[in-house]
């Protein structure tokens, strides 16, 4: 495991995705008190840590290769890079929900379908949701009616409805349990 700082291009890629989800420039304010780091394991995972938290090496613990383990305190996993493109991770959901200004709220039935990894179709004539403010291809944070964040979706404009293309949802933990054992 190796820890490095992000390059300027990587910081821009992460900021672009997160600012698109938040529909604001709040992430640059978050970066005033937090730092982005990359942990290179099987894939390049991106974490957010508070500037006051520390990274340190522990000489008492060793990994399977005999090298010192790196211990992180207060880290928040934002996502990972695949082939040079940043992908948001479900672990960042609770943290980013605190900053989201334009979430989409789903009915209990829609939320259940979304958690089962299904796409959701929303009619344009439902003026209570204010769907006209979402542009085609943008990412949004999806909540259930109890204001619990349940995932990320991509907005796709269809002829007479708006489709929430499920990117990642909290049901991934339950679906992965099936194959874990």
Foldseek 3Di string as FASTA:
>chain_A
DDKDADDPLVVVLLQVQLCLAQVHNCVVVVCVQWGWMWDDDVFTWIKIAGPPWDKDWDQVDADPVRDTDIDGPRIFTQATDDPNHTDGDPSCQVVSLVRHDQAFEDEPVQLVCVLVQHKDKAFPVPPVNVVVVDDAQTKYFYAYPVSHTFAIFGWHDDDGIIITRGPDTPSVVVVVVVVPD
